[in-house]
């Protein structure tokens, strides 16, 4: 039996993110789905320029997990771009929490009341 998936903290978004080639109706496109944790790993490492260790701490996972998320997300993105596929960031696969706060702050420890 596989070990249960560890909770991964990601930024909250209001709706799924969909990116598609211009000029092709969505109904005519195949799509690649990125999970929220893949998208969050890309955001933290590529946009916010954090190293994998820092991104892992913010998401509550190991550096190795971040490395695997980045590898699979980048592979899917490149395949989608080359093949003219839509890219869907699926927010329902992962549980969002307040990424950007240290895990001890998310649990209420180490914070003063009123902050």
PDB file of N, CA and C in Angstrom:
ATOM      1  N   UNK A   1       0.839  -1.181   0.000  1.00  0.00           N
ATOM      2  CA  UNK A   1       0.000   0.000   0.000  1.00  0.00           C
ATOM      3  C   UNK A   1       0.885   1.245   0.000  1.00  0.00           C
ATOM      4  N   UNK A   2       0.565   2.192  -0.851  1.00  0.00           N
ATOM      5  CA  UNK A   2       1.351   3.419  -0.971  1.00  0.00           C
ATOM      6  C   UNK A   2       1.124   4.333   0.228  1.00  0.00           C
ATOM      7  N   UNK A   3       2.139   5.096   0.530  1.00  0.00           N
ATOM      8  CA  UNK A   3       2.047   6.066   1.614  1.00  0.00           C
ATOM      9  C   UNK A   3       1.102   7.184   1.200  1.00  0.00           C
ATOM     10  N   UNK A   4       0.278   7.720   2.107  1.00  0.00           N
ATOM     11  CA  UNK A   4      -0.634   8.813   1.743  1.00  0.00           C
ATOM     12  C   UNK A   4       0.137  10.054   1.289  1.00  0.00           C
ATOM     13  N   UNK A   5      -0.440  10.793   0.347  1.00  0.00           N
ATOM     14  CA  UNK A   5       0.197  11.996  -0.183  1.00  0.00           C
ATOM     15  C   UNK A   5       0.229  13.079   0.894  1.00  0.00           C
ATOM     16  N   UNK A   6       1.399  13.663   1.075  1.00  0.00           N
ATOM     17  CA  UNK A   6       1.578  14.717   2.073  1.00  0.00           C
ATOM     18  C   UNK A   6       0.859  15.987   1.611  1.00  0.00           C
ATOM     19  N   UNK A   7       0.272  16.703   2.529  1.00  0.00           N
ATOM     20  CA  UNK A   7      -0.406  17.960   2.204  1.00  0.00           C
ATOM     21  C   UNK A   7       0.611  18.975   1.691  1.00  0.00           C
ATOM     22  N   UNK A   8       0.294  19.606   0.567  1.00  0.00           N
ATOM     23  CA  UNK A   8       1.185  20.584  -0.049  1.00  0.00           C
ATOM     24  C   UNK A   8       0.512  21.942  -0.033  1.00  0.00           C
ATOM     25  N   UNK A   9       1.165  22.915   0.536  1.00  0.00           N
ATOM     26  CA  UNK A   9       0.586  24.243   0.663  1.00  0.00           C
ATOM     27  C   UNK A   9       0.844  25.064  -0.592  1.00  0.00           C
ATOM     28  N   UNK A  10      -0.226  25.571  -1.157  1.00  0.00           N
ATOM     29  CA  UNK A  10      -0.162  26.339  -2.398  1.00  0.00           C
ATOM     30  C   UNK A  10      -1.007  27.598  -2.257  1.00  0.00           C
ATOM     31  N   UNK A  11      -0.692  28.589  -3.065  1.00  0.00           N
ATOM     32  CA  UNK A  11      -1.464  29.833  -3.092  1.00  0.00           C
ATOM     33  C   UNK A  11      -2.894  29.537  -3.549  1.00  0.00           C
ATOM     34  N   UNK A  12      -3.840  30.264  -2.992  1.00  0.00           N
ATOM     35  CA  UNK A  12      -5.236  30.086  -3.385  1.00  0.00           C
ATOM     36  C   UNK A  12      -5.548  30.852  -4.667  1.00  0.00           C
ATOM     37  N   UNK A  13      -6.315  30.223  -5.535  1.00  0.00           N
ATOM     38  CA  UNK A  13      -6.807  30.859  -6.762  1.00  0.00           C
ATOM     39  C   UNK A  13      -8.319  30.649  -6.806  1.00  0.00           C
ATOM     40  N   UNK A  14      -9.032  31.598  -7.410  1.00  0.00           N
ATOM     41  CA  UNK A  14     -10.492  31.530  -7.437  1.00  0.00           C
ATOM     42  C   UNK A  14     -11.034  30.562  -8.473  1.00  0.00           C
ATOM     43  N   UNK A  15     -10.310  30.324  -9.545  1.00  0.00           N
ATOM     44  CA  UNK A  15     -10.811  29.464 -10.610  1.00  0.00           C
ATOM     45  C   UNK A  15      -9.641  28.778 -11.302  1.00  0.00           C
ATOM     46  N   UNK A  16      -9.952  27.700 -12.040  1.00  0.00           N
ATOM     47  CA  UNK A  16      -8.925  27.036 -12.825  1.00  0.00           C
ATOM     48  C   UNK A  16      -8.304  28.023 -13.787  1.00  0.00           C
ATOM     49  N   UNK A  17      -7.036  27.841 -14.068  1.00  0.00           N
ATOM     50  CA  UNK A  17      -6.322  28.657 -15.041  1.00  0.00           C
ATOM     51  C   UNK A  17      -6.241  27.861 -16.334  1.00  0.00           C
ATOM     52  N   UNK A  18      -6.632  28.456 -17.449  1.00  0.00           N
ATOM     53  CA  UNK A  18      -6.578  27.796 -18.752  1.00  0.00           C
ATOM     54  C   UNK A  18      -5.819  28.693 -19.707  1.00  0.00           C
ATOM     55  N   UNK A  19      -4.821  28.116 -20.389  1.00  0.00           N
ATOM     56  CA  UNK A  19      -4.035  28.838 -21.381  1.00  0.00           C
ATOM     57  C   UNK A  19      -4.093  28.023 -22.662  1.00  0.00           C
ATOM     58  N   UNK A  20      -4.382  28.683 -23.778  1.00  0.00           N
ATOM     59  CA  UNK A  20      -4.528  27.955 -25.032  1.00  0.00           C
ATOM     60  C   UNK A  20      -3.946  28.767 -26.177  1.00  0.00           C
ATOM     61  N   UNK A  21      -3.629  28.094 -27.275  1.00  0.00           N
ATOM     62  CA  UNK A  21      -3.157  28.825 -28.445  1.00  0.00           C
ATOM     63  C   UNK A  21      -4.259  29.740 -28.979  1.00  0.00           C
ATOM     64  N   UNK A  22      -3.866  30.885 -29.450  1.00  0.00           N
ATOM     65  CA  UNK A  22      -4.819  31.849 -29.990  1.00  0.00           C
ATOM     66  C   UNK A  22      -5.361  31.343 -31.328  1.00  0.00           C
ATOM     67  N   UNK A  23      -6.641  31.577 -31.571  1.00  0.00           N
ATOM     68  CA  UNK A  23      -7.249  31.287 -32.858  1.00  0.00           C
ATOM     69  C   UNK A  23      -7.765  29.870 -33.021  1.00  0.00           C
ATOM     70  N   UNK A  24      -7.599  29.026 -32.013  1.00  0.00           N
ATOM     71  CA  UNK A  24      -8.113  27.655 -32.087  1.00  0.00           C
ATOM     72  C   UNK A  24      -9.158  27.488 -30.986  1.00  0.00           C
ATOM     73  N   UNK A  25     -10.404  27.134 -31.352  1.00  0.00           N
ATOM     74  CA  UNK A  25     -11.436  26.952 -30.320  1.00  0.00           C
ATOM     75  C   UNK A  25     -11.042  25.860 -29.318  1.00  0.00           C
ATOM     76  N   UNK A  26     -11.398  26.065 -28.078  1.00  0.00           N
ATOM     77  CA  UNK A  26     -11.041  25.128 -27.006  1.00  0.00           C
ATOM     78  C   UNK A  26     -11.540  23.717 -27.303  1.00  0.00           C
ATOM     79  N   UNK A  27     -12.693  23.598 -27.924  1.00  0.00           N
ATOM     80  CA  UNK A  27     -13.263  22.290 -28.242  1.00  0.00           C
ATOM     81  C   UNK A  27     -12.435  21.488 -29.235  1.00  0.00           C
ATOM     82  N   UNK A  28     -11.572  22.153 -29.972  1.00  0.00           N
ATOM     83  CA  UNK A  28     -10.734  21.480 -30.968  1.00  0.00           C
ATOM     84  C   UNK A  28      -9.344  21.145 -30.439  1.00  0.00           C
ATOM     85  N   UNK A  29      -9.067  21.497 -29.202  1.00  0.00           N
ATOM     86  CA  UNK A  29      -7.739  21.309 -28.637  1.00  0.00           C
ATOM     87  C   UNK A  29      -7.679  20.129 -27.681  1.00  0.00           C
ATOM     88  N   UNK A  30      -6.551  19.437 -27.691  1.00  0.00           N
ATOM     89  CA  UNK A  30      -6.246  18.518 -26.603  1.00  0.00           C
ATOM     90  C   UNK A  30      -5.683  19.364 -25.473  1.00  0.00           C
ATOM     91  N   UNK A  31      -5.674  18.825 -24.279  1.00  0.00           N
ATOM     92  CA  UNK A  31      -5.163  19.639 -23.173  1.00  0.00           C
ATOM     93  C   UNK A  31      -4.215  18.841 -22.297  1.00  0.00           C
ATOM     94  N   UNK A  32      -3.300  19.557 -21.682  1.00  0.00           N
ATOM     95  CA  UNK A  32      -2.391  19.027 -20.670  1.00  0.00           C
ATOM     96  C   UNK A  32      -2.818  19.645 -19.345  1.00  0.00           C
ATOM     97  N   UNK A  33      -2.893  18.833 -18.318  1.00  0.00           N
ATOM     98  CA  UNK A  33      -3.348  19.317 -17.017  1.00  0.00           C
ATOM     99  C   UNK A  33      -2.167  19.379 -16.057  1.00  0.00           C
ATOM    100  N   UNK A  34      -1.962  20.574 -15.483  1.00  0.00           N
ATOM    101  CA  UNK A  34      -0.980  20.748 -14.417  1.00  0.00           C
ATOM    102  C   UNK A  34      -1.734  20.761 -13.094  1.00  0.00           C
ATOM    103  N   UNK A  35      -1.218  20.061 -12.117  1.00  0.00           N
ATOM    104  CA  UNK A  35      -1.844  20.124 -10.796  1.00  0.00           C
ATOM    105  C   UNK A  35      -1.436  21.438 -10.130  1.00  0.00           C
ATOM    106  N   UNK A  36      -2.180  21.815  -9.130  1.00  0.00           N
ATOM    107  CA  UNK A  36      -1.883  23.057  -8.419  1.00  0.00           C
ATOM    108  C   UNK A  36      -0.494  23.016  -7.791  1.00  0.00           C
ATOM    109  N   UNK A  37      -0.080  21.861  -7.279  1.00  0.00           N
ATOM    110  CA  UNK A  37       1.243  21.801  -6.668  1.00  0.00           C
ATOM    111  C   UNK A  37       2.359  21.931  -7.707  1.00  0.00           C
ATOM    112  N   UNK A  38       2.150  21.434  -8.916  1.00  0.00           N
ATOM    113  CA  UNK A  38       3.128  21.644  -9.988  1.00  0.00           C
ATOM    114  C   UNK A  38       3.214  23.132 -10.332  1.00  0.00           C
ATOM    115  N   UNK A  39       2.066  23.766 -10.462  1.00  0.00           N
ATOM    116  CA  UNK A  39       1.992  25.186 -10.792  1.00  0.00           C
ATOM    117  C   UNK A  39       2.659  26.033  -9.702  1.00  0.00           C
ATOM    118  N   UNK A  40       2.422  25.677  -8.451  1.00  0.00           N
ATOM    119  CA  UNK A  40       3.003  26.412  -7.329  1.00  0.00           C
ATOM    120  C   UNK A  40       4.523  26.248  -7.294  1.00  0.00           C
ATOM    121  N   UNK A  41       5.013  25.052  -7.561  1.00  0.00           N
ATOM    122  CA  UNK A  41       6.458  24.829  -7.600  1.00  0.00           C
ATOM    123  C   UNK A  41       7.094  25.677  -8.705  1.00  0.00           C
ATOM    124  N   UNK A  42       6.455  25.752  -9.869  1.00  0.00           N
ATOM    125  CA  UNK A  42       6.949  26.601 -10.960  1.00  0.00           C
ATOM    126  C   UNK A  42       6.962  28.065 -10.536  1.00  0.00           C
ATOM    127  N   UNK A  43       5.884  28.508  -9.899  1.00  0.00           N
ATOM    128  CA  UNK A  43       5.799  29.902  -9.475  1.00  0.00           C
ATOM    129  C   UNK A  43       6.903  30.250  -8.483  1.00  0.00           C
ATOM    130  N   UNK A  44       7.085  29.403  -7.490  1.00  0.00           N
ATOM    131  CA  UNK A  44       8.073  29.686  -6.455  1.00  0.00           C
ATOM    132  C   UNK A  44       9.505  29.659  -7.000  1.00  0.00           C
ATOM    133  N   UNK A  45       9.821  28.661  -7.813  1.00  0.00           N
ATOM    134  CA  UNK A  45      11.209  28.499  -8.281  1.00  0.00           C
ATOM    135  C   UNK A  45      11.528  29.362  -9.493  1.00  0.00           C
ATOM    136  N   UNK A  46      10.607  29.481 -10.436  1.00  0.00           N
ATOM    137  CA  UNK A  46      10.905  30.195 -11.675  1.00  0.00           C
ATOM    138  C   UNK A  46      10.512  31.666 -11.629  1.00  0.00           C
ATOM    139  N   UNK A  47       9.405  31.997 -11.017  1.00  0.00           N
ATOM    140  CA  UNK A  47       8.985  33.394 -10.968  1.00  0.00           C
ATOM    141  C   UNK A  47       9.555  34.107  -9.744  1.00  0.00           C
ATOM    142  N   UNK A  48       9.404  33.496  -8.569  1.00  0.00           N
ATOM    143  CA  UNK A  48       9.894  34.119  -7.335  1.00  0.00           C
ATOM    144  C   UNK A  48      11.382  33.862  -7.103  1.00  0.00           C
ATOM    145  N   UNK A  49      12.004  33.036  -7.947  1.00  0.00           N
ATOM    146  CA  UNK A  49      13.444  32.762  -7.931  1.00  0.00           C
ATOM    147  C   UNK A  49      13.936  32.160  -6.609  1.00  0.00           C
ATOM    148  N   UNK A  50      13.092  31.369  -5.947  1.00  0.00           N
ATOM    149  CA  UNK A  50      13.525  30.667  -4.742  1.00  0.00           C
ATOM    150  C   UNK A  50      14.265  29.403  -5.150  1.00  0.00           C
ATOM    151  N   UNK A  51      15.195  28.953  -4.313  1.00  0.00           N
ATOM    152  CA  UNK A  51      15.810  27.671  -4.632  1.00  0.00           C
ATOM    153  C   UNK A  51      14.851  26.562  -4.189  1.00  0.00           C
ATOM    154  N   UNK A  52      15.152  25.342  -4.600  1.00  0.00           N
ATOM    155  CA  UNK A  52      14.230  24.235  -4.347  1.00  0.00           C
ATOM    156  C   UNK A  52      14.036  23.965  -2.861  1.00  0.00           C
ATOM    157  N   UNK A  53      15.058  24.173  -2.073  1.00  0.00           N
ATOM    158  CA  UNK A  53      14.954  23.966  -0.629  1.00  0.00           C
ATOM    159  C   UNK A  53      13.961  24.946  -0.007  1.00  0.00           C
ATOM    160  N   UNK A  54      14.076  26.231  -0.383  1.00  0.00           N
ATOM    161  CA  UNK A  54      13.156  27.253   0.144  1.00  0.00           C
ATOM    162  C   UNK A  54      11.725  26.993  -0.321  1.00  0.00           C
ATOM    163  N   UNK A  55      11.558  26.631  -1.580  1.00  0.00           N
ATOM    164  CA  UNK A  55      10.223  26.335  -2.104  1.00  0.00           C
ATOM    165  C   UNK A  55       9.622  25.143  -1.367  1.00  0.00           C
ATOM    166  N   UNK A  56      10.433  24.137  -1.103  1.00  0.00           N
ATOM    167  CA  UNK A  56       9.957  22.968  -0.362  1.00  0.00           C
ATOM    168  C   UNK A  56       9.498  23.331   1.041  1.00  0.00           C
ATOM    169  N   UNK A  57      10.241  24.218   1.706  1.00  0.00           N
ATOM    170  CA  UNK A  57       9.843  24.645   3.045  1.00  0.00           C
ATOM    171  C   UNK A  57       8.509  25.380   3.010  1.00  0.00           C
ATOM    172  N   UNK A  58       8.319  26.252   2.021  1.00  0.00           N
ATOM    173  CA  UNK A  58       7.056  26.990   1.930  1.00  0.00           C
ATOM    174  C   UNK A  58       5.873  26.078   1.622  1.00  0.00           C
ATOM    175  N   UNK A  59       6.110  25.058   0.792  1.00  0.00           N
ATOM    176  CA  UNK A  59       5.029  24.144   0.427  1.00  0.00           C
ATOM    177  C   UNK A  59       4.865  23.001   1.420  1.00  0.00           C
ATOM    178  N   UNK A  60       5.822  22.844   2.330  1.00  0.00           N
ATOM    179  CA  UNK A  60       5.723  21.784   3.329  1.00  0.00           C
ATOM    180  C   UNK A  60       6.123  20.417   2.793  1.00  0.00           C
ATOM    181  N   UNK A  61       7.006  20.384   1.779  1.00  0.00           N
ATOM    182  CA  UNK A  61       7.474  19.129   1.205  1.00  0.00           C
ATOM    183  C   UNK A  61       9.000  19.167   1.084  1.00  0.00           C
ATOM    184  N   UNK A  62       9.581  18.056   0.692  1.00  0.00           N
ATOM    185  CA  UNK A  62      11.033  17.976   0.576  1.00  0.00           C
ATOM    186  C   UNK A  62      11.536  18.632  -0.705  1.00  0.00           C
ATOM    187  N   UNK A  63      12.837  18.885  -0.737  1.00  0.00           N
ATOM    188  CA  UNK A  63      13.456  19.430  -1.940  1.00  0.00           C
ATOM    189  C   UNK A  63      13.310  18.464  -3.112  1.00  0.00           C
ATOM    190  N   UNK A  64      13.418  17.166  -2.837  1.00  0.00           N
ATOM    191  CA  UNK A  64      13.255  16.159  -3.882  1.00  0.00           C
ATOM    192  C   UNK A  64      11.871  16.183  -4.500  1.00  0.00           C
ATOM    193  N   UNK A  65      10.857  16.411  -3.677  1.00  0.00           N
ATOM    194  CA  UNK A  65       9.489  16.510  -4.188  1.00  0.00           C
ATOM    195  C   UNK A  65       9.355  17.723  -5.096  1.00  0.00           C
ATOM    196  N   UNK A  66       9.935  18.851  -4.693  1.00  0.00           N
ATOM    197  CA  UNK A  66       9.905  20.050  -5.543  1.00  0.00           C
ATOM    198  C   UNK A  66      10.594  19.760  -6.867  1.00  0.00           C
ATOM    199  N   UNK A  67      11.718  19.078  -6.821  1.00  0.00           N
ATOM    200  CA  UNK A  67      12.453  18.752  -8.037  1.00  0.00           C
ATOM    201  C   UNK A  67      11.592  17.905  -8.978  1.00  0.00           C
ATOM    202  N   UNK A  68      10.890  16.915  -8.436  1.00  0.00           N
ATOM    203  CA  UNK A  68      10.016  16.070  -9.263  1.00  0.00           C
ATOM    204  C   UNK A  68       8.843  16.865  -9.820  1.00  0.00           C
ATOM    205  N   UNK A  69       8.265  17.750  -9.004  1.00  0.00           N
ATOM    206  CA  UNK A  69       7.161  18.587  -9.484  1.00  0.00           C
ATOM    207  C   UNK A  69       7.605  19.497 -10.626  1.00  0.00           C
ATOM    208  N   UNK A  70       8.777  20.112 -10.475  1.00  0.00           N
ATOM    209  CA  UNK A  70       9.301  20.991 -11.523  1.00  0.00           C
ATOM    210  C   UNK A  70       9.568  20.221 -12.810  1.00  0.00           C
ATOM    211  N   UNK A  71      10.180  19.053 -12.693  1.00  0.00           N
ATOM    212  CA  UNK A  71      10.502  18.251 -13.867  1.00  0.00           C
ATOM    213  C   UNK A  71       9.232  17.889 -14.635  1.00  0.00           C
ATOM    214  N   UNK A  72       8.228  17.378 -13.923  1.00  0.00           N
ATOM    215  CA  UNK A  72       6.999  16.955 -14.611  1.00  0.00           C
ATOM    216  C   UNK A  72       6.223  18.149 -15.159  1.00  0.00           C
ATOM    217  N   UNK A  73       6.188  19.260 -14.434  1.00  0.00           N
ATOM    218  CA  UNK A  73       5.464  20.445 -14.906  1.00  0.00           C
ATOM    219  C   UNK A  73       6.125  21.031 -16.151  1.00  0.00           C
ATOM    220  N   UNK A  74       7.444  21.146 -16.131  1.00  0.00           N
ATOM    221  CA  UNK A  74       8.144  21.706 -17.286  1.00  0.00           C
ATOM    222  C   UNK A  74       7.985  20.806 -18.503  1.00  0.00           C
ATOM    223  N   UNK A  75       8.020  19.504 -18.293  1.00  0.00           N
ATOM    224  CA  UNK A  75       7.838  18.564 -19.399  1.00  0.00           C
ATOM    225  C   UNK A  75       6.447  18.735 -20.017  1.00  0.00           C
ATOM    226  N   UNK A  76       5.424  18.834 -19.180  1.00  0.00           N
ATOM    227  CA  UNK A  76       4.058  19.014 -19.681  1.00  0.00           C
ATOM    228  C   UNK A  76       3.899  20.346 -20.407  1.00  0.00           C
ATOM    229  N   UNK A  77       4.494  21.418 -19.874  1.00  0.00           N
ATOM    230  CA  UNK A  77       4.398  22.726 -20.517  1.00  0.00           C
ATOM    231  C   UNK A  77       5.037  22.719 -21.903  1.00  0.00           C
ATOM    232  N   UNK A  78       6.220  22.154 -22.009  1.00  0.00           N
ATOM    233  CA  UNK A  78       6.906  22.122 -23.299  1.00  0.00           C
ATOM    234  C   UNK A  78       6.133  21.269 -24.299  1.00  0.00           C
ATOM    235  N   UNK A  79       5.638  20.112 -23.867  1.00  0.00           N
ATOM    236  CA  UNK A  79       4.836  19.268 -24.756  1.00  0.00           C
ATOM    237  C   UNK A  79       3.587  20.001 -25.233  1.00  0.00           C
ATOM    238  N   UNK A  80       2.931  20.721 -24.333  1.00  0.00           N
ATOM    239  CA  UNK A  80       1.717  21.460 -24.696  1.00  0.00           C
ATOM    240  C   UNK A  80       2.021  22.564 -25.695  1.00  0.00           C
ATOM    241  N   UNK A  81       3.090  23.292 -25.488  1.00  0.00           N
ATOM    242  CA  UNK A  81       3.440  24.388 -26.391  1.00  0.00           C
ATOM    243  C   UNK A  81       3.806  23.848 -27.764  1.00  0.00           C
ATOM    244  N   UNK A  82       4.623  22.810 -27.802  1.00  0.00           N
ATOM    245  CA  UNK A  82       5.051  22.254 -29.084  1.00  0.00           C
ATOM    246  C   UNK A  82       3.883  21.625 -29.841  1.00  0.00           C
ATOM    247  N   UNK A  83       2.958  20.997 -29.137  1.00  0.00           N
ATOM    248  CA  UNK A  83       1.842  20.289 -29.766  1.00  0.00           C
ATOM    249  C   UNK A  83       0.587  21.136 -29.930  1.00  0.00           C
ATOM    250  N   UNK A  84       0.647  22.430 -29.615  1.00  0.00           N
ATOM    251  CA  UNK A  84      -0.528  23.310 -29.667  1.00  0.00           C
ATOM    252  C   UNK A  84      -1.672  22.774 -28.817  1.00  0.00           C
ATOM    253  N   UNK A  85      -1.373  22.393 -27.593  1.00  0.00           N
ATOM    254  CA  UNK A  85      -2.392  21.928 -26.661  1.00  0.00           C
ATOM    255  C   UNK A  85      -2.730  23.035 -25.671  1.00  0.00           C
ATOM    256  N   UNK A  86      -3.921  22.945 -25.104  1.00  0.00           N
ATOM    257  CA  UNK A  86      -4.290  23.855 -24.018  1.00  0.00           C
ATOM    258  C   UNK A  86      -3.596  23.384 -22.741  1.00  0.00           C
ATOM    259  N   UNK A  87      -3.340  24.312 -21.845  1.00  0.00           N
ATOM    260  CA  UNK A  87      -2.748  24.003 -20.541  1.00  0.00           C
ATOM    261  C   UNK A  87      -3.782  24.390 -19.493  1.00  0.00           C
ATOM    262  N   UNK A  88      -4.156  23.423 -18.678  1.00  0.00           N
ATOM    263  CA  UNK A  88      -5.152  23.660 -17.631  1.00  0.00           C
ATOM    264  C   UNK A  88      -4.488  23.441 -16.279  1.00  0.00           C
ATOM    265  N   UNK A  89      -4.556  24.439 -15.414  1.00  0.00           N
ATOM    266  CA  UNK A  89      -4.066  24.282 -14.046  1.00  0.00           C
ATOM    267  C   UNK A  89      -5.264  23.864 -13.216  1.00  0.00           C
ATOM    268  N   UNK A  90      -5.249  22.615 -12.780  1.00  0.00           N
ATOM    269  CA  UNK A  90      -6.378  22.029 -12.074  1.00  0.00           C
ATOM    270  C   UNK A  90      -6.263  22.315 -10.586  1.00  0.00           C
ATOM    271  N   UNK A  91      -7.133  23.173 -10.105  1.00  0.00           N
ATOM    272  CA  UNK A  91      -7.089  23.566  -8.693  1.00  0.00           C
ATOM    273  C   UNK A  91      -7.741  22.546  -7.778  1.00  0.00           C
ATOM    274  N   UNK A  92      -8.441  21.586  -8.335  1.00  0.00           N
ATOM    275  CA  UNK A  92      -9.176  20.644  -7.503  1.00  0.00           C
ATOM    276  C   UNK A  92      -8.324  19.472  -7.035  1.00  0.00           C
ATOM    277  N   UNK A  93      -7.154  19.239  -7.659  1.00  0.00           N
ATOM    278  CA  UNK A  93      -6.330  18.088  -7.299  1.00  0.00           C
ATOM    279  C   UNK A  93      -5.562  18.286  -6.009  1.00  0.00           C
ATOM    280  N   UNK A  94      -5.234  19.510  -5.663  1.00  0.00           N
ATOM    281  CA  UNK A  94      -4.426  19.775  -4.474  1.00  0.00           C
ATOM    282  C   UNK A  94      -5.159  20.733  -3.559  1.00  0.00           C
ATOM    283  N   UNK A  95      -4.909  20.597  -2.296  1.00  0.00           N
ATOM    284  CA  UNK A  95      -5.540  21.478  -1.320  1.00  0.00           C
ATOM    285  C   UNK A  95      -4.724  22.754  -1.180  1.00  0.00           C
ATOM    286  N   UNK A  96      -5.364  23.879  -1.364  1.00  0.00           N
ATOM    287  CA  UNK A  96      -4.666  25.157  -1.205  1.00  0.00           C
ATOM    288  C   UNK A  96      -4.668  25.546   0.264  1.00  0.00           C
ATOM    289  N   UNK A  97      -3.599  26.134   0.682  1.00  0.00           N
ATOM    290  CA  UNK A  97      -3.539  26.753   2.008  1.00  0.00           C
ATOM    291  C   UNK A  97      -2.729  28.024   1.828  1.00  0.00           C
ATOM    292  N   UNK A  98      -2.391  28.672   2.864  1.00  0.00           N
ATOM    293  CA  UNK A  98      -1.703  29.956   2.745  1.00  0.00           C
ATOM    294  C   UNK A  98      -0.211  29.754   2.529  1.00  0.00           C
ATOM    295  N   UNK A  99       0.190  29.529   1.282  1.00  0.00           N
ATOM    296  CA  UNK A  99       1.611  29.394   0.954  1.00  0.00           C
ATOM    297  C   UNK A  99       2.279  30.736   1.188  1.00  0.00           C
ATOM    298  N   UNK A 100       3.505  30.692   1.533  1.00  0.00           N
ATOM    299  CA  UNK A 100       4.228  31.927   1.819  1.00  0.00           C
ATOM    300  C   UNK A 100       4.411  32.111   3.306  1.00  0.00           C
ATOM    301  N   UNK A 101       3.640  31.393   4.103  1.00  0.00           N
ATOM    302  CA  UNK A 101       3.835  31.440   5.543  1.00  0.00           C
ATOM    303  C   UNK A 101       4.523  30.157   5.957  1.00  0.00           C
ATOM    304  N   UNK A 102       5.390  30.249   6.910  1.00  0.00           N
ATOM    305  CA  UNK A 102       6.074  29.076   7.423  1.00  0.00           C
ATOM    306  C   UNK A 102       5.063  28.154   8.080  1.00  0.00           C
ATOM    307  N   UNK A 103       5.313  26.855   8.064  1.00  0.00           N
ATOM    308  CA  UNK A 103       4.351  25.888   8.583  1.00  0.00           C
ATOM    309  C   UNK A 103       3.993  26.157  10.040  1.00  0.00           C
ATOM    310  N   UNK A 104       4.924  26.656  10.848  1.00  0.00           N
ATOM    311  CA  UNK A 104       4.590  26.933  12.240  1.00  0.00           C
ATOM    312  C   UNK A 104       3.613  28.098  12.340  1.00  0.00           C
ATOM    313  N   UNK A 105       3.674  29.051  11.397  1.00  0.00           N
ATOM    314  CA  UNK A 105       2.726  30.164  11.401  1.00  0.00           C
ATOM    315  C   UNK A 105       1.344  29.714  10.941  1.00  0.00           C
ATOM    316  N   UNK A 106       1.289  28.772   9.975  1.00  0.00           N
ATOM    317  CA  UNK A 106      -0.011  28.287   9.498  1.00  0.00           C
ATOM    318  C   UNK A 106      -0.768  27.603  10.611  1.00  0.00           C
ATOM    319  N   UNK A 107      -0.058  26.956  11.527  1.00  0.00           N
ATOM    320  CA  UNK A 107      -0.704  26.225  12.603  1.00  0.00           C
ATOM    321  C   UNK A 107      -0.986  27.101  13.805  1.00  0.00           C
ATOM    322  N   UNK A 108      -0.585  28.374  13.733  1.00  0.00           N
ATOM    323  CA  UNK A 108      -0.896  29.289  14.811  1.00  0.00           C
ATOM    324  C   UNK A 108       0.179  29.406  15.862  1.00  0.00           C
ATOM    325  N   UNK A 109       1.256  28.617  15.746  1.00  0.00           N
ATOM    326  CA  UNK A 109       2.328  28.703  16.725  1.00  0.00           C
ATOM    327  C   UNK A 109       3.273  29.834  16.338  1.00  0.00           C
ATOM    328  N   UNK A 110       3.788  30.493  17.303  1.00  0.00           N
ATOM    329  CA  UNK A 110       4.782  31.532  17.041  1.00  0.00           C
ATOM    330  C   UNK A 110       4.190  32.847  16.529  1.00  0.00           C
ATOM    331  N   UNK A 111       2.886  32.997  16.588  1.00  0.00           N
ATOM    332  CA  UNK A 111       2.248  34.238  16.135  1.00  0.00           C
ATOM    333  C   UNK A 111       1.610  34.927  17.313  1.00  0.00           C
ATOM    334  N   UNK A 112       1.658  36.231  17.292  1.00  0.00           N
ATOM    335  CA  UNK A 112       0.991  36.986  18.346  1.00  0.00           C
ATOM    336  C   UNK A 112      -0.469  37.166  17.983  1.00  0.00           C
ATOM    337  N   UNK A 113      -1.311  37.181  18.970  1.00  0.00           N
ATOM    338  CA  UNK A 113      -2.739  37.413  18.734  1.00  0.00           C
ATOM    339  C   UNK A 113      -2.945  38.779  18.130  1.00  0.00           C
ATOM    340  N   UNK A 114      -3.882  38.880  17.213  1.00  0.00           N
ATOM    341  CA  UNK A 114      -4.196  40.148  16.599  1.00  0.00           C
ATOM    342  C   UNK A 114      -3.423  40.440  15.335  1.00  0.00           C
ATOM    343  N   UNK A 115      -2.532  39.553  14.967  1.00  0.00           N
ATOM    344  CA  UNK A 115      -1.769  39.760  13.727  1.00  0.00           C
ATOM    345  C   UNK A 115      -2.290  38.907  12.634  1.00  0.00           C
TER     346      UNK A 115
END
